[in-house]
N, C-alpha and C. Protein backbone atom coordinates (compact mmCIF):
# COMPACT_ATOMS: atom_id res chain seq x y z
N UNK A 1 78.99 -32.77 54.23
CA UNK A 1 79.63 -31.47 54.25
C UNK A 1 79.09 -30.66 55.42
N UNK A 2 79.99 -30.05 56.20
CA UNK A 2 79.59 -29.28 57.36
C UNK A 2 78.94 -27.96 56.93
N UNK A 3 77.94 -27.55 57.68
CA UNK A 3 77.29 -26.28 57.39
C UNK A 3 78.17 -25.15 57.92
N UNK A 4 78.39 -24.15 57.10
CA UNK A 4 79.21 -23.01 57.49
C UNK A 4 78.40 -22.12 58.44
N UNK A 5 79.01 -21.79 59.58
CA UNK A 5 78.40 -20.85 60.51
C UNK A 5 78.98 -19.49 60.22
N UNK A 6 78.14 -18.50 60.12
CA UNK A 6 78.63 -17.18 59.79
C UNK A 6 77.73 -16.12 60.38
N UNK A 7 78.23 -14.92 60.41
CA UNK A 7 77.45 -13.78 60.83
C UNK A 7 76.39 -13.52 59.76
N UNK A 8 75.13 -13.32 60.15
CA UNK A 8 74.09 -13.04 59.14
C UNK A 8 74.43 -11.79 58.34
N UNK A 9 74.07 -11.78 57.08
CA UNK A 9 74.33 -10.64 56.20
C UNK A 9 73.53 -9.44 56.69
N UNK A 10 74.21 -8.32 56.83
CA UNK A 10 73.57 -7.09 57.32
C UNK A 10 73.96 -5.90 56.44
N UNK A 11 73.82 -6.06 55.14
CA UNK A 11 74.13 -4.96 54.25
C UNK A 11 73.14 -3.82 54.41
N UNK A 12 73.63 -2.61 54.21
CA UNK A 12 72.77 -1.43 54.34
C UNK A 12 72.30 -0.97 52.96
N UNK A 13 71.30 -0.09 52.96
CA UNK A 13 70.81 0.50 51.71
C UNK A 13 71.91 1.32 51.05
N UNK A 14 72.72 1.98 51.87
CA UNK A 14 73.82 2.80 51.34
C UNK A 14 74.86 1.91 50.65
N UNK A 15 75.18 0.79 51.26
CA UNK A 15 76.14 -0.14 50.64
C UNK A 15 75.59 -0.67 49.32
N UNK A 16 74.31 -1.04 49.32
CA UNK A 16 73.69 -1.57 48.11
C UNK A 16 73.72 -0.50 46.99
N UNK A 17 73.41 0.74 47.35
CA UNK A 17 73.43 1.82 46.35
C UNK A 17 74.85 2.02 45.82
N UNK A 18 75.85 1.93 46.70
CA UNK A 18 77.24 2.09 46.26
C UNK A 18 77.65 0.95 45.33
N UNK A 19 77.20 -0.28 45.64
CA UNK A 19 77.49 -1.42 44.77
C UNK A 19 76.85 -1.22 43.40
N UNK A 20 75.58 -0.83 43.37
CA UNK A 20 74.90 -0.61 42.09
C UNK A 20 75.58 0.50 41.27
N UNK A 21 76.02 1.55 41.94
CA UNK A 21 76.72 2.64 41.24
C UNK A 21 78.04 2.14 40.66
N UNK A 22 78.74 1.29 41.40
CA UNK A 22 80.00 0.72 40.92
C UNK A 22 79.77 -0.15 39.69
N UNK A 23 78.74 -0.99 39.77
CA UNK A 23 78.42 -1.86 38.63
C UNK A 23 78.08 -1.02 37.41
N UNK A 24 77.28 0.02 37.62
CA UNK A 24 76.89 0.88 36.50
C UNK A 24 78.11 1.57 35.89
N UNK A 25 79.02 2.01 36.74
CA UNK A 25 80.22 2.72 36.27
C UNK A 25 81.16 1.80 35.47
N UNK A 26 81.28 0.54 35.89
CA UNK A 26 82.28 -0.36 35.30
C UNK A 26 81.73 -1.37 34.30
N UNK A 27 80.44 -1.53 34.21
CA UNK A 27 79.82 -2.62 33.44
C UNK A 27 80.25 -2.70 31.98
N UNK A 28 80.54 -1.59 31.35
CA UNK A 28 80.89 -1.59 29.93
C UNK A 28 82.37 -1.81 29.66
N UNK A 29 83.17 -1.88 30.72
CA UNK A 29 84.60 -2.12 30.54
C UNK A 29 84.87 -3.61 30.36
N UNK A 30 85.78 -3.93 29.46
CA UNK A 30 86.16 -5.33 29.26
C UNK A 30 86.80 -5.85 30.55
N UNK A 31 86.41 -7.04 30.98
CA UNK A 31 86.97 -7.62 32.21
C UNK A 31 86.50 -6.92 33.47
N UNK A 32 85.28 -6.42 33.45
CA UNK A 32 84.77 -5.62 34.57
C UNK A 32 84.48 -6.43 35.84
N UNK A 33 84.33 -7.75 35.71
CA UNK A 33 83.91 -8.55 36.86
C UNK A 33 84.88 -8.43 38.04
N UNK A 34 86.17 -8.59 37.79
CA UNK A 34 87.14 -8.52 38.89
C UNK A 34 87.11 -7.16 39.59
N UNK A 35 87.20 -6.04 38.87
CA UNK A 35 87.16 -4.75 39.56
C UNK A 35 85.85 -4.53 40.34
N UNK A 36 84.75 -5.00 39.80
CA UNK A 36 83.47 -4.87 40.50
C UNK A 36 83.50 -5.69 41.79
N UNK A 37 84.01 -6.91 41.70
CA UNK A 37 84.08 -7.75 42.90
C UNK A 37 85.05 -7.17 43.94
N UNK A 38 86.15 -6.60 43.48
CA UNK A 38 87.11 -5.98 44.41
C UNK A 38 86.46 -4.80 45.13
N UNK A 39 85.75 -3.98 44.37
CA UNK A 39 85.07 -2.83 44.98
C UNK A 39 83.95 -3.30 45.91
N UNK A 40 83.24 -4.35 45.51
CA UNK A 40 82.18 -4.89 46.37
C UNK A 40 82.76 -5.36 47.70
N UNK A 41 83.91 -6.01 47.65
CA UNK A 41 84.54 -6.46 48.90
C UNK A 41 85.00 -5.26 49.73
N UNK A 42 85.45 -4.20 49.08
CA UNK A 42 85.79 -2.98 49.82
C UNK A 42 84.56 -2.41 50.52
N UNK A 43 83.43 -2.46 49.85
CA UNK A 43 82.19 -1.90 50.39
C UNK A 43 81.69 -2.72 51.58
N UNK A 44 81.67 -4.04 51.43
CA UNK A 44 81.06 -4.92 52.44
C UNK A 44 82.07 -5.59 53.38
N UNK A 45 83.33 -5.64 52.97
CA UNK A 45 84.34 -6.33 53.78
C UNK A 45 84.51 -7.78 53.40
N UNK A 46 83.59 -8.30 52.62
CA UNK A 46 83.60 -9.68 52.13
C UNK A 46 82.56 -9.79 51.02
N UNK A 47 82.45 -10.99 50.43
CA UNK A 47 81.50 -11.18 49.32
C UNK A 47 80.45 -12.24 49.68
N UNK A 48 79.45 -11.85 50.45
CA UNK A 48 78.41 -12.81 50.79
C UNK A 48 77.57 -13.18 49.57
N UNK A 49 76.80 -14.24 49.70
CA UNK A 49 75.94 -14.72 48.62
C UNK A 49 75.08 -13.59 48.06
N UNK A 50 74.50 -12.78 48.93
CA UNK A 50 73.60 -11.72 48.50
C UNK A 50 74.29 -10.73 47.57
N UNK A 51 75.54 -10.42 47.84
CA UNK A 51 76.31 -9.49 47.00
C UNK A 51 76.67 -10.16 45.68
N UNK A 52 77.09 -11.41 45.74
CA UNK A 52 77.41 -12.15 44.52
C UNK A 52 76.18 -12.22 43.61
N UNK A 53 75.03 -12.46 44.21
CA UNK A 53 73.78 -12.56 43.44
C UNK A 53 73.45 -11.23 42.77
N UNK A 54 73.63 -10.14 43.48
CA UNK A 54 73.38 -8.82 42.89
C UNK A 54 74.30 -8.57 41.70
N UNK A 55 75.58 -8.89 41.88
CA UNK A 55 76.54 -8.69 40.79
C UNK A 55 76.13 -9.53 39.57
N UNK A 56 75.80 -10.79 39.81
CA UNK A 56 75.41 -11.68 38.71
C UNK A 56 74.17 -11.16 37.99
N UNK A 57 73.17 -10.77 38.76
CA UNK A 57 71.93 -10.29 38.14
C UNK A 57 72.16 -9.00 37.36
N UNK A 58 72.90 -8.08 37.92
CA UNK A 58 73.13 -6.79 37.27
C UNK A 58 73.97 -6.93 36.00
N UNK A 59 74.91 -7.89 35.99
CA UNK A 59 75.75 -8.11 34.81
C UNK A 59 75.16 -9.15 33.86
N UNK A 60 74.03 -9.74 34.27
CA UNK A 60 73.37 -10.78 33.48
C UNK A 60 74.32 -11.93 33.17
N UNK A 61 74.98 -12.41 34.22
CA UNK A 61 75.86 -13.58 34.12
C UNK A 61 75.44 -14.59 35.18
N UNK A 62 75.79 -15.85 35.00
CA UNK A 62 75.42 -16.85 36.01
C UNK A 62 76.14 -16.58 37.34
N UNK A 63 75.45 -16.80 38.43
CA UNK A 63 76.07 -16.60 39.74
C UNK A 63 77.26 -17.54 39.91
N UNK A 64 77.22 -18.68 39.22
CA UNK A 64 78.34 -19.63 39.29
C UNK A 64 79.65 -18.99 38.81
N UNK A 65 79.54 -18.10 37.85
CA UNK A 65 80.74 -17.42 37.35
C UNK A 65 81.31 -16.49 38.44
N UNK A 66 80.44 -15.76 39.10
CA UNK A 66 80.88 -14.86 40.17
C UNK A 66 81.49 -15.69 41.30
N UNK A 67 80.80 -16.75 41.69
CA UNK A 67 81.29 -17.63 42.76
C UNK A 67 82.63 -18.27 42.36
N UNK A 68 82.76 -18.66 41.12
CA UNK A 68 84.00 -19.27 40.65
C UNK A 68 85.18 -18.32 40.77
N UNK A 69 84.97 -17.07 40.44
CA UNK A 69 86.04 -16.07 40.58
C UNK A 69 86.34 -15.84 42.06
N UNK A 70 85.28 -15.74 42.86
CA UNK A 70 85.45 -15.47 44.30
C UNK A 70 86.21 -16.58 45.00
N UNK A 71 86.01 -17.82 44.56
CA UNK A 71 86.68 -18.94 45.23
C UNK A 71 88.04 -19.26 44.61
N UNK A 72 88.29 -18.78 43.40
CA UNK A 72 89.58 -19.04 42.76
C UNK A 72 90.67 -18.13 43.30
N UNK A 73 90.34 -16.86 43.48
CA UNK A 73 91.34 -15.87 43.90
C UNK A 73 91.32 -15.71 45.42
N UNK A 74 92.50 -15.85 46.03
CA UNK A 74 92.59 -15.79 47.50
C UNK A 74 92.33 -14.40 48.06
N UNK A 75 92.29 -13.38 47.23
CA UNK A 75 92.03 -12.02 47.72
C UNK A 75 90.58 -11.84 48.18
N UNK A 76 89.70 -12.74 47.73
CA UNK A 76 88.29 -12.60 48.08
C UNK A 76 87.93 -13.44 49.30
N UNK A 77 87.08 -12.87 50.14
CA UNK A 77 86.57 -13.56 51.33
C UNK A 77 85.07 -13.78 51.16
N UNK A 78 84.64 -15.01 51.38
CA UNK A 78 83.20 -15.31 51.30
C UNK A 78 82.51 -15.10 52.64
N UNK A 79 83.29 -14.96 53.69
CA UNK A 79 82.73 -14.82 55.03
C UNK A 79 83.38 -13.61 55.70
N UNK A 80 82.63 -12.96 56.58
CA UNK A 80 83.19 -11.77 57.23
C UNK A 80 84.34 -12.13 58.15
N UNK A 81 85.17 -11.15 58.42
CA UNK A 81 86.26 -11.32 59.37
C UNK A 81 85.80 -10.73 60.69
N UNK A 82 86.27 -11.33 61.78
CA UNK A 82 85.90 -10.86 63.10
C UNK A 82 86.66 -9.61 63.50
N UNK A 83 86.21 -9.02 64.58
CA UNK A 83 86.92 -7.88 65.17
C UNK A 83 88.35 -8.30 65.49
N UNK A 84 88.48 -9.54 65.97
CA UNK A 84 89.80 -10.10 66.27
C UNK A 84 90.06 -11.23 65.28
N UNK A 85 90.99 -11.02 64.37
CA UNK A 85 91.31 -11.98 63.32
C UNK A 85 92.48 -12.86 63.78
N UNK A 86 92.17 -14.12 64.01
CA UNK A 86 93.18 -15.07 64.47
C UNK A 86 93.74 -15.81 63.27
N UNK A 87 95.06 -15.80 63.14
CA UNK A 87 95.75 -16.55 62.09
C UNK A 87 96.74 -17.49 62.76
N UNK A 88 96.61 -18.77 62.46
CA UNK A 88 97.52 -19.76 63.00
C UNK A 88 98.43 -20.22 61.87
N UNK A 89 99.73 -20.13 62.10
CA UNK A 89 100.68 -20.55 61.07
C UNK A 89 100.71 -22.07 61.00
N UNK A 90 100.47 -22.60 59.82
CA UNK A 90 100.56 -24.04 59.59
C UNK A 90 101.72 -24.36 58.65
N UNK A 91 102.68 -23.43 58.56
CA UNK A 91 103.90 -23.69 57.80
C UNK A 91 104.69 -24.81 58.46
N UNK A 92 105.69 -25.31 57.78
CA UNK A 92 106.42 -26.49 58.22
C UNK A 92 106.96 -26.37 59.64
N UNK A 93 107.71 -25.32 59.94
CA UNK A 93 108.31 -25.18 61.27
C UNK A 93 107.25 -25.16 62.37
N UNK A 94 106.20 -24.41 62.15
CA UNK A 94 105.13 -24.32 63.15
C UNK A 94 104.35 -25.63 63.26
N UNK A 95 104.08 -26.24 62.13
CA UNK A 95 103.30 -27.48 62.14
C UNK A 95 104.04 -28.58 62.88
N UNK A 96 105.32 -28.69 62.62
CA UNK A 96 106.14 -29.71 63.29
C UNK A 96 106.14 -29.51 64.80
N UNK A 97 106.02 -28.25 65.22
CA UNK A 97 106.03 -27.93 66.66
C UNK A 97 104.64 -27.88 67.28
N UNK A 98 103.60 -28.27 66.52
CA UNK A 98 102.28 -28.42 67.13
C UNK A 98 101.21 -27.42 66.76
N UNK A 99 101.41 -26.62 65.72
CA UNK A 99 100.39 -25.63 65.39
C UNK A 99 99.08 -26.26 64.91
N UNK A 100 99.15 -27.48 64.36
CA UNK A 100 97.92 -28.15 63.95
C UNK A 100 96.98 -28.37 65.12
N UNK A 101 97.52 -28.76 66.25
CA UNK A 101 96.70 -28.96 67.45
C UNK A 101 96.19 -27.62 67.98
N UNK A 102 97.00 -26.59 67.90
CA UNK A 102 96.56 -25.24 68.31
C UNK A 102 95.35 -24.83 67.46
N UNK A 103 95.46 -25.03 66.15
CA UNK A 103 94.37 -24.68 65.24
C UNK A 103 93.11 -25.49 65.57
N UNK A 104 93.27 -26.78 65.79
CA UNK A 104 92.12 -27.64 66.13
C UNK A 104 91.47 -27.21 67.45
N UNK A 105 92.29 -26.88 68.44
CA UNK A 105 91.75 -26.43 69.73
C UNK A 105 90.96 -25.12 69.57
N UNK A 106 91.49 -24.21 68.77
CA UNK A 106 90.78 -22.95 68.55
C UNK A 106 89.45 -23.18 67.86
N UNK A 107 89.41 -24.09 66.91
CA UNK A 107 88.13 -24.41 66.25
C UNK A 107 87.11 -24.90 67.28
N UNK A 108 87.56 -25.78 68.19
CA UNK A 108 86.66 -26.30 69.22
C UNK A 108 86.24 -25.19 70.19
N UNK A 109 87.19 -24.41 70.66
CA UNK A 109 86.89 -23.37 71.65
C UNK A 109 85.97 -22.29 71.09
N UNK A 110 86.19 -21.92 69.84
CA UNK A 110 85.39 -20.86 69.23
C UNK A 110 84.11 -21.38 68.59
N UNK A 111 84.04 -22.67 68.35
CA UNK A 111 82.85 -23.26 67.73
C UNK A 111 82.72 -22.94 66.26
N UNK A 112 83.86 -22.70 65.60
CA UNK A 112 83.86 -22.39 64.17
C UNK A 112 84.96 -23.17 63.48
N UNK A 113 84.85 -23.28 62.19
CA UNK A 113 85.90 -23.90 61.38
C UNK A 113 86.80 -22.80 60.82
N UNK A 114 87.93 -23.20 60.27
CA UNK A 114 88.81 -22.25 59.63
C UNK A 114 88.08 -21.50 58.53
N UNK A 115 88.31 -20.20 58.44
CA UNK A 115 87.65 -19.38 57.44
C UNK A 115 86.34 -18.79 57.91
N UNK A 116 85.90 -19.18 59.10
CA UNK A 116 84.62 -18.71 59.60
C UNK A 116 84.80 -17.62 60.66
N UNK A 117 83.67 -17.05 61.03
CA UNK A 117 83.60 -15.98 62.03
C UNK A 117 82.57 -16.39 63.08
N UNK A 118 82.84 -16.08 64.34
CA UNK A 118 81.86 -16.40 65.39
C UNK A 118 80.59 -15.58 65.15
N UNK A 119 79.47 -16.10 65.61
CA UNK A 119 78.18 -15.46 65.36
C UNK A 119 78.11 -14.04 65.91
N UNK A 120 78.86 -13.76 66.97
CA UNK A 120 78.86 -12.41 67.53
C UNK A 120 79.80 -11.46 66.80
N UNK A 121 80.53 -11.98 65.79
CA UNK A 121 81.44 -11.15 65.01
C UNK A 121 82.74 -10.81 65.71
N UNK A 122 82.98 -11.45 66.85
CA UNK A 122 84.17 -11.11 67.63
C UNK A 122 85.44 -11.74 67.07
N UNK A 123 85.41 -13.04 66.75
CA UNK A 123 86.61 -13.75 66.30
C UNK A 123 86.40 -14.39 64.93
N UNK A 124 87.44 -14.32 64.10
CA UNK A 124 87.49 -15.15 62.90
C UNK A 124 88.78 -15.95 62.98
N UNK A 125 88.79 -17.09 62.32
CA UNK A 125 89.92 -18.01 62.41
C UNK A 125 90.38 -18.42 61.02
N UNK A 126 91.67 -18.25 60.77
CA UNK A 126 92.25 -18.65 59.49
C UNK A 126 93.58 -19.33 59.72
N UNK A 127 93.93 -20.20 58.80
CA UNK A 127 95.27 -20.79 58.78
C UNK A 127 96.09 -19.98 57.79
N UNK A 128 97.36 -19.87 58.06
CA UNK A 128 98.26 -19.22 57.10
C UNK A 128 99.51 -20.08 56.96
N UNK A 129 100.34 -19.76 56.01
CA UNK A 129 101.50 -20.61 55.72
C UNK A 129 102.78 -20.16 56.40
N UNK A 130 102.97 -18.89 56.63
CA UNK A 130 104.18 -18.45 57.31
C UNK A 130 104.01 -16.99 57.71
N UNK A 131 104.41 -16.67 58.93
CA UNK A 131 104.37 -15.28 59.37
C UNK A 131 105.79 -14.74 59.55
N UNK A 132 106.78 -15.54 59.21
CA UNK A 132 108.16 -15.11 59.28
C UNK A 132 108.74 -15.13 60.68
N UNK A 133 108.17 -15.94 61.55
CA UNK A 133 108.65 -16.03 62.93
C UNK A 133 108.93 -17.49 63.28
N UNK A 134 109.61 -18.19 62.39
CA UNK A 134 109.85 -19.62 62.55
C UNK A 134 110.58 -19.96 63.85
N UNK A 135 111.43 -19.06 64.32
CA UNK A 135 112.15 -19.29 65.56
C UNK A 135 111.25 -19.29 66.78
N UNK A 136 110.01 -18.79 66.63
CA UNK A 136 109.04 -18.76 67.74
C UNK A 136 107.98 -19.85 67.59
N UNK A 137 108.18 -20.77 66.69
CA UNK A 137 107.17 -21.80 66.39
C UNK A 137 106.76 -22.58 67.64
N UNK A 138 105.47 -22.92 67.70
CA UNK A 138 104.36 -22.55 66.82
C UNK A 138 103.84 -21.14 67.12
N UNK A 139 103.37 -20.47 66.08
CA UNK A 139 102.98 -19.07 66.16
C UNK A 139 101.53 -18.88 65.72
N UNK A 140 100.85 -17.95 66.41
CA UNK A 140 99.56 -17.46 65.93
C UNK A 140 99.57 -15.96 66.11
N UNK A 141 98.73 -15.32 65.33
CA UNK A 141 98.57 -13.87 65.44
C UNK A 141 97.10 -13.56 65.69
N UNK A 142 96.86 -12.56 66.52
CA UNK A 142 95.52 -12.02 66.68
C UNK A 142 95.66 -10.55 66.29
N UNK A 143 95.06 -10.22 65.16
CA UNK A 143 95.29 -8.95 64.48
C UNK A 143 96.79 -8.79 64.28
N UNK A 144 97.44 -7.84 64.90
CA UNK A 144 98.88 -7.65 64.68
C UNK A 144 99.73 -8.17 65.84
N UNK A 145 99.10 -8.77 66.83
CA UNK A 145 99.81 -9.29 68.00
C UNK A 145 100.27 -10.73 67.74
N UNK A 146 101.58 -10.96 67.91
CA UNK A 146 102.16 -12.28 67.66
C UNK A 146 102.30 -13.04 68.98
N UNK A 147 101.86 -14.30 68.96
CA UNK A 147 102.01 -15.20 70.11
C UNK A 147 102.85 -16.38 69.65
N UNK A 148 104.01 -16.55 70.28
CA UNK A 148 104.92 -17.61 69.87
C UNK A 148 105.17 -18.63 70.96
N UNK A 149 105.79 -19.74 70.54
CA UNK A 149 106.08 -20.88 71.42
C UNK A 149 104.83 -21.30 72.18
N UNK A 150 103.74 -21.37 71.45
CA UNK A 150 102.42 -21.65 72.04
C UNK A 150 102.25 -23.12 72.42
N UNK A 151 101.43 -23.32 73.42
CA UNK A 151 100.92 -24.64 73.75
C UNK A 151 99.40 -24.51 73.83
N UNK A 152 98.67 -25.58 73.59
CA UNK A 152 97.20 -25.49 73.63
C UNK A 152 96.65 -25.00 74.97
N UNK A 153 97.34 -25.28 76.06
CA UNK A 153 96.81 -24.86 77.36
C UNK A 153 96.92 -23.36 77.61
N UNK A 154 97.58 -22.60 76.75
CA UNK A 154 97.68 -21.14 76.87
C UNK A 154 96.52 -20.42 76.19
N UNK A 155 95.77 -21.12 75.37
CA UNK A 155 94.77 -20.47 74.53
C UNK A 155 93.67 -19.77 75.32
N UNK A 156 93.18 -20.38 76.39
CA UNK A 156 92.10 -19.75 77.18
C UNK A 156 92.54 -18.39 77.70
N UNK A 157 93.75 -18.30 78.25
CA UNK A 157 94.24 -17.03 78.79
C UNK A 157 94.41 -16.00 77.68
N UNK A 158 94.90 -16.42 76.54
CA UNK A 158 95.09 -15.49 75.42
C UNK A 158 93.73 -14.97 74.93
N UNK A 159 92.78 -15.87 74.71
CA UNK A 159 91.45 -15.46 74.22
C UNK A 159 90.76 -14.55 75.24
N UNK A 160 90.99 -14.79 76.53
CA UNK A 160 90.34 -13.98 77.59
C UNK A 160 90.75 -12.51 77.48
N UNK A 161 91.92 -12.22 76.95
CA UNK A 161 92.37 -10.83 76.78
C UNK A 161 91.47 -10.06 75.82
N UNK A 162 90.77 -10.79 74.96
CA UNK A 162 89.96 -10.16 73.92
C UNK A 162 88.47 -10.22 74.21
N UNK A 163 88.11 -10.74 75.36
CA UNK A 163 86.68 -10.84 75.72
C UNK A 163 86.10 -9.52 76.18
């Protein structure tokens, strides 16, 4: 199994205090785990191990339960997102036109796997299923900017815009 590369956790005392206050406020409600995790992700932007561990300890539940919820629901992110969030469409139309190779090239160029963030926090890379631009296949997005009819040899010039 490949080791996940990620930005080191840099939570602040203020964020930790806000998380503890949220847990204290919601702990007695039935089904409190999901709302606590949602608020924790709002606070930190993602759910790193350190945050999951705090939630588990404060609620006196196994960390495996917190991790299980975090990995089951697609709304939760275990890794931070970069300043520039790259999404490559791997839906049928895009995949048939070469988006798989675009995704693979980006992984090599950025030195990260899908779902990860570069160590400098600049880029994150994710696959998605459809962005609704099938006529422009293959498509990728960087934040809200759409790049269509892509070829792998265009990637260096596109990434250079964000350097």
